[in-house]
Amino acid sequence: VGQFCELPNDVVFTVEYSVRSAQTAVYTLLGLNRAAPAVYKGQHDLRVVYGAASALRNH
């Protein structure tokens, strides 16, 4: 399902996207009141931002 659909705030080229899109399709088709796991937003994680800035500063 992954490469044939679009999910908001996500990148198509990841395994997590494929799993999340399949979960969303199954939950919707079966009428389940569930949601796939939320998308990890690393750009808002201060540890990730600090690590990226440190890597750039050292090169």
PDB file of N, CA and C in Angstrom:
ATOM      1  N   VAL A   1       0.836  -1.183   0.000  1.00  0.00           N
ATOM      2  CA  VAL A   1       0.000   0.000   0.000  1.00  0.00           C
ATOM      3  C   VAL A   1       0.881   1.248   0.000  1.00  0.00           C
ATOM      4  N   GLY A   2       2.029   1.191   0.665  1.00  0.00           N
ATOM      5  CA  GLY A   2       2.879   2.345   0.940  1.00  0.00           C
ATOM      6  C   GLY A   2       3.117   3.320  -0.194  1.00  0.00           C
ATOM      7  N   GLN A   3       3.598   2.842  -1.324  1.00  0.00           N
ATOM      8  CA  GLN A   3       3.954   3.783  -2.385  1.00  0.00           C
ATOM      9  C   GLN A   3       2.751   4.242  -3.197  1.00  0.00           C
ATOM     10  N   PHE A   4       1.564   3.717  -2.909  1.00  0.00           N
ATOM     11  CA  PHE A   4       0.370   4.067  -3.676  1.00  0.00           C
ATOM     12  C   PHE A   4      -0.596   4.939  -2.900  1.00  0.00           C
ATOM     13  N   CYS A   5      -0.154   5.518  -1.805  1.00  0.00           N
ATOM     14  CA  CYS A   5      -1.019   6.399  -1.024  1.00  0.00           C
ATOM     15  C   CYS A   5      -0.188   7.541  -0.448  1.00  0.00           C
ATOM     16  N   GLU A   6      -0.875   8.493   0.123  1.00  0.00           N
ATOM     17  CA  GLU A   6      -0.204   9.621   0.762  1.00  0.00           C
ATOM     18  C   GLU A   6      -0.728   9.776   2.175  1.00  0.00           C
ATOM     19  N   LEU A   7       0.190   9.922   3.106  1.00  0.00           N
ATOM     20  CA  LEU A   7      -0.166  10.197   4.492  1.00  0.00           C
ATOM     21  C   LEU A   7       0.424  11.556   4.854  1.00  0.00           C
ATOM     22  N   PRO A   8      -0.317  12.370   5.586  1.00  0.00           N
ATOM     23  CA  PRO A   8       0.197  13.700   5.929  1.00  0.00           C
ATOM     24  C   PRO A   8       1.423  13.618   6.842  1.00  0.00           C
ATOM     25  N   ASN A   9       2.352  14.523   6.644  1.00  0.00           N
ATOM     26  CA  ASN A   9       3.552  14.667   7.488  1.00  0.00           C
ATOM     27  C   ASN A   9       4.414  13.423   7.545  1.00  0.00           C
ATOM     28  N   ASP A  10       4.547  12.711   6.441  1.00  0.00           N
ATOM     29  CA  ASP A  10       5.352  11.494   6.443  1.00  0.00           C
ATOM     30  C   ASP A  10       6.134  11.395   5.143  1.00  0.00           C
ATOM     31  N   VAL A  11       7.165  10.565   5.133  1.00  0.00           N
ATOM     32  CA  VAL A  11       8.021  10.374   3.974  1.00  0.00           C
ATOM     33  C   VAL A  11       7.789   8.971   3.415  1.00  0.00           C
ATOM     34  N   VAL A  12       7.585   8.877   2.112  1.00  0.00           N
ATOM     35  CA  VAL A  12       7.209   7.614   1.484  1.00  0.00           C
ATOM     36  C   VAL A  12       8.327   6.584   1.512  1.00  0.00           C
ATOM     37  N   PHE A  13       9.566   6.970   1.594  1.00  0.00           N
ATOM     38  CA  PHE A  13      10.690   6.064   1.408  1.00  0.00           C
ATOM     39  C   PHE A  13      11.175   5.398   2.694  1.00  0.00           C
ATOM     40  N   THR A  14      10.293   5.145   3.625  1.00  0.00           N
ATOM     41  CA  THR A  14      10.696   4.475   4.852  1.00  0.00           C
ATOM     42  C   THR A  14       9.848   3.227   5.087  1.00  0.00           C
ATOM     43  N   VAL A  15      10.395   2.302   5.833  1.00  0.00           N
ATOM     44  CA  VAL A  15       9.646   1.092   6.184  1.00  0.00           C
ATOM     45  C   VAL A  15       8.472   1.464   7.085  1.00  0.00           C
ATOM     46  N   GLU A  16       8.698   2.413   7.977  1.00  0.00           N
ATOM     47  CA  GLU A  16       7.627   2.829   8.881  1.00  0.00           C
ATOM     48  C   GLU A  16       6.432   3.357   8.102  1.00  0.00           C
ATOM     49  N   TYR A  17       6.690   4.063   7.009  1.00  0.00           N
ATOM     50  CA  TYR A  17       5.601   4.582   6.182  1.00  0.00           C
ATOM     51  C   TYR A  17       4.789   3.433   5.600  1.00  0.00           C
ATOM     52  N   SER A  18       5.456   2.396   5.135  1.00  0.00           N
ATOM     53  CA  SER A  18       4.754   1.242   4.567  1.00  0.00           C
ATOM     54  C   SER A  18       3.880   0.575   5.617  1.00  0.00           C
ATOM     55  N   VAL A  19       4.405   0.417   6.817  1.00  0.00           N
ATOM     56  CA  VAL A  19       3.634  -0.209   7.893  1.00  0.00           C
ATOM     57  C   VAL A  19       2.472   0.686   8.298  1.00  0.00           C
ATOM     58  N   ARG A  20       2.743   1.980   8.469  1.00  0.00           N
ATOM     59  CA  ARG A  20       1.704   2.920   8.891  1.00  0.00           C
ATOM     60  C   ARG A  20       0.582   3.006   7.862  1.00  0.00           C
ATOM     61  N   SER A  21       0.922   3.030   6.589  1.00  0.00           N
ATOM     62  CA  SER A  21      -0.117   3.114   5.551  1.00  0.00           C
ATOM     63  C   SER A  21      -0.948   1.835   5.505  1.00  0.00           C
ATOM     64  N   ALA A  22      -0.316   0.677   5.698  1.00  0.00           N
ATOM     65  CA  ALA A  22      -1.064  -0.585   5.724  1.00  0.00           C
ATOM     66  C   ALA A  22      -1.986  -0.634   6.939  1.00  0.00           C
ATOM     67  N   GLN A  23      -1.497  -0.205   8.094  1.00  0.00           N
ATOM     68  CA  GLN A  23      -2.337  -0.182   9.288  1.00  0.00           C
ATOM     69  C   GLN A  23      -3.530   0.744   9.094  1.00  0.00           C
ATOM     70  N   THR A  24      -3.291   1.909   8.520  1.00  0.00           N
ATOM     71  CA  THR A  24      -4.371   2.858   8.281  1.00  0.00           C
ATOM     72  C   THR A  24      -5.411   2.264   7.335  1.00  0.00           C
ATOM     73  N   ALA A  25      -4.962   1.595   6.289  1.00  0.00           N
ATOM     74  CA  ALA A  25      -5.888   0.982   5.328  1.00  0.00           C
ATOM     75  C   ALA A  25      -6.725  -0.107   5.995  1.00  0.00           C
ATOM     76  N   VAL A  26      -6.089  -0.979   6.764  1.00  0.00           N
ATOM     77  CA  VAL A  26      -6.813  -2.071   7.414  1.00  0.00           C
ATOM     78  C   VAL A  26      -7.806  -1.525   8.438  1.00  0.00           C
ATOM     79  N   TYR A  27      -7.378  -0.592   9.270  1.00  0.00           N
ATOM     80  CA  TYR A  27      -8.270  -0.028  10.273  1.00  0.00           C
ATOM     81  C   TYR A  27      -9.470   0.649   9.622  1.00  0.00           C
ATOM     82  N   THR A  28      -9.243   1.349   8.524  1.00  0.00           N
ATOM     83  CA  THR A  28     -10.334   2.035   7.838  1.00  0.00           C
ATOM     84  C   THR A  28     -11.289   1.041   7.179  1.00  0.00           C
ATOM     85  N   LEU A  29     -10.744   0.062   6.470  1.00  0.00           N
ATOM     86  CA  LEU A  29     -11.591  -0.912   5.780  1.00  0.00           C
ATOM     87  C   LEU A  29     -12.402  -1.772   6.744  1.00  0.00           C
ATOM     88  N   LEU A  30     -11.857  -2.067   7.914  1.00  0.00           N
ATOM     89  CA  LEU A  30     -12.573  -2.870   8.890  1.00  0.00           C
ATOM     90  C   LEU A  30     -13.455  -2.038   9.823  1.00  0.00           C
ATOM     91  N   GLY A  31     -13.376  -0.720   9.664  1.00  0.00           N
ATOM     92  CA  GLY A  31     -14.200   0.157  10.485  1.00  0.00           C
ATOM     93  C   GLY A  31     -13.777   0.203  11.943  1.00  0.00           C
ATOM     94  N   LEU A  32     -12.512  -0.067  12.209  1.00  0.00           N
ATOM     95  CA  LEU A  32     -12.000  -0.036  13.578  1.00  0.00           C
ATOM     96  C   LEU A  32     -11.713   1.388  14.010  1.00  0.00           C
ATOM     97  N   ASN A  33     -11.965   1.672  15.245  1.00  0.00           N
ATOM     98  CA  ASN A  33     -11.712   3.009  15.776  1.00  0.00           C
ATOM     99  C   ASN A  33     -10.306   3.049  16.375  1.00  0.00           C
ATOM    100  N   ARG A  34      -9.321   2.840  15.534  1.00  0.00           N
ATOM    101  CA  ARG A  34      -7.915   2.838  15.943  1.00  0.00           C
ATOM    102  C   ARG A  34      -7.129   3.715  14.989  1.00  0.00           C
ATOM    103  N   ALA A  35      -5.956   4.116  15.436  1.00  0.00           N
ATOM    104  CA  ALA A  35      -5.074   4.924  14.596  1.00  0.00           C
ATOM    105  C   ALA A  35      -3.693   4.278  14.565  1.00  0.00           C
ATOM    106  N   ALA A  36      -3.012   4.441  13.464  1.00  0.00           N
ATOM    107  CA  ALA A  36      -1.636   3.958  13.338  1.00  0.00           C
ATOM    108  C   ALA A  36      -0.736   4.792  14.257  1.00  0.00           C
ATOM    109  N   PRO A  37       0.438   4.292  14.603  1.00  0.00           N
ATOM    110  CA  PRO A  37       1.353   5.058  15.459  1.00  0.00           C
ATOM    111  C   PRO A  37       1.683   6.423  14.848  1.00  0.00           C
ATOM    112  N   ALA A  38       1.892   7.376  15.711  1.00  0.00           N
ATOM    113  CA  ALA A  38       2.196   8.736  15.257  1.00  0.00           C
ATOM    114  C   ALA A  38       3.555   8.776  14.555  1.00  0.00           C
ATOM    115  N   VAL A  39       3.713   9.764  13.693  1.00  0.00           N
ATOM    116  CA  VAL A  39       4.961   9.976  12.967  1.00  0.00           C
ATOM    117  C   VAL A  39       5.980  10.614  13.910  1.00  0.00           C
ATOM    118  N   TYR A  40       7.206  10.069  13.938  1.00  0.00           N
ATOM    119  CA  TYR A  40       8.269  10.639  14.757  1.00  0.00           C
ATOM    120  C   TYR A  40       8.776  11.916  14.099  1.00  0.00           C
ATOM    121  N   LYS A  41       8.777  12.990  14.837  1.00  0.00           N
ATOM    122  CA  LYS A  41       9.211  14.285  14.302  1.00  0.00           C
ATOM    123  C   LYS A  41      10.566  14.645  14.912  1.00  0.00           C
ATOM    124  N   GLY A  42      11.608  14.062  14.342  1.00  0.00           N
ATOM    125  CA  GLY A  42      12.953  14.257  14.848  1.00  0.00           C
ATOM    126  C   GLY A  42      13.445  15.688  14.757  1.00  0.00           C
ATOM    127  N   GLN A  43      12.919  16.450  13.808  1.00  0.00           N
ATOM    128  CA  GLN A  43      13.368  17.830  13.663  1.00  0.00           C
ATOM    129  C   GLN A  43      12.957  18.697  14.853  1.00  0.00           C
ATOM    130  N   HIS A  44      12.057  18.196  15.708  1.00  0.00           N
ATOM    131  CA  HIS A  44      11.632  18.931  16.894  1.00  0.00           C
ATOM    132  C   HIS A  44      12.258  18.384  18.172  1.00  0.00           C
ATOM    133  N   ASP A  45      13.086  17.353  18.056  1.00  0.00           N
ATOM    134  CA  ASP A  45      13.749  16.749  19.200  1.00  0.00           C
ATOM    135  C   ASP A  45      15.080  17.468  19.408  1.00  0.00           C
ATOM    136  N   LEU A  46      15.231  18.104  20.542  1.00  0.00           N
ATOM    137  CA  LEU A  46      16.437  18.900  20.797  1.00  0.00           C
ATOM    138  C   LEU A  46      17.709  18.061  20.761  1.00  0.00           C
ATOM    139  N   ARG A  47      17.637  16.799  21.168  1.00  0.00           N
ATOM    140  CA  ARG A  47      18.825  15.929  21.118  1.00  0.00           C
ATOM    141  C   ARG A  47      19.264  15.707  19.676  1.00  0.00           C
ATOM    142  N   VAL A  48      18.314  15.539  18.781  1.00  0.00           N
ATOM    143  CA  VAL A  48      18.629  15.326  17.369  1.00  0.00           C
ATOM    144  C   VAL A  48      19.206  16.604  16.767  1.00  0.00           C
ATOM    145  N   VAL A  49      18.596  17.732  17.068  1.00  0.00           N
ATOM    146  CA  VAL A  49      19.069  19.019  16.536  1.00  0.00           C
ATOM    147  C   VAL A  49      20.478  19.308  17.049  1.00  0.00           C
ATOM    148  N   TYR A  50      20.712  19.059  18.340  1.00  0.00           N
ATOM    149  CA  TYR A  50      22.046  19.282  18.899  1.00  0.00           C
ATOM    150  C   TYR A  50      23.074  18.360  18.246  1.00  0.00           C
ATOM    151  N   GLY A  51      22.722  17.104  18.068  1.00  0.00           N
ATOM    152  CA  GLY A  51      23.638  16.152  17.427  1.00  0.00           C
ATOM    153  C   GLY A  51      23.971  16.561  16.010  1.00  0.00           C
ATOM    154  N   ALA A  52      22.977  17.032  15.266  1.00  0.00           N
ATOM    155  CA  ALA A  52      23.221  17.487  13.889  1.00  0.00           C
ATOM    156  C   ALA A  52      24.118  18.718  13.871  1.00  0.00           C
ATOM    157  N   ALA A  53      23.847  19.665  14.776  1.00  0.00           N
ATOM    158  CA  ALA A  53      24.668  20.884  14.839  1.00  0.00           C
ATOM    159  C   ALA A  53      26.106  20.526  15.226  1.00  0.00           C
ATOM    160  N   SER A  54      26.282  19.608  16.157  1.00  0.00           N
ATOM    161  CA  SER A  54      27.623  19.190  16.557  1.00  0.00           C
ATOM    162  C   SER A  54      28.370  18.529  15.411  1.00  0.00           C
ATOM    163  N   ALA A  55      27.667  17.698  14.653  1.00  0.00           N
ATOM    164  CA  ALA A  55      28.298  17.028  13.519  1.00  0.00           C
ATOM    165  C   ALA A  55      28.724  18.034  12.454  1.00  0.00           C
ATOM    166  N   LEU A  56      27.890  19.035  12.226  1.00  0.00           N
ATOM    167  CA  LEU A  56      28.244  20.063  11.241  1.00  0.00           C
ATOM    168  C   LEU A  56      29.411  20.910  11.713  1.00  0.00           C
ATOM    169  N   ARG A  57      29.446  21.202  13.005  1.00  0.00           N
ATOM    170  CA  ARG A  57      30.517  22.046  13.559  1.00  0.00           C
ATOM    171  C   ARG A  57      31.861  21.318  13.494  1.00  0.00           C
ATOM    172  N   ASN A  58      31.856  20.001  13.648  1.00  0.00           N
ATOM    173  CA  ASN A  58      33.108  19.239  13.669  1.00  0.00           C
ATOM    174  C   ASN A  58      33.665  18.974  12.276  1.00  0.00           C
ATOM    175  N   HIS A  59      32.933  19.264  11.244  1.00  0.00           N
ATOM    176  CA  HIS A  59      33.416  18.996   9.886  1.00  0.00           C
ATOM    177  C   HIS A  59      33.717  20.251   9.161  1.00  0.00           C
TER     178      HIS A  59
END
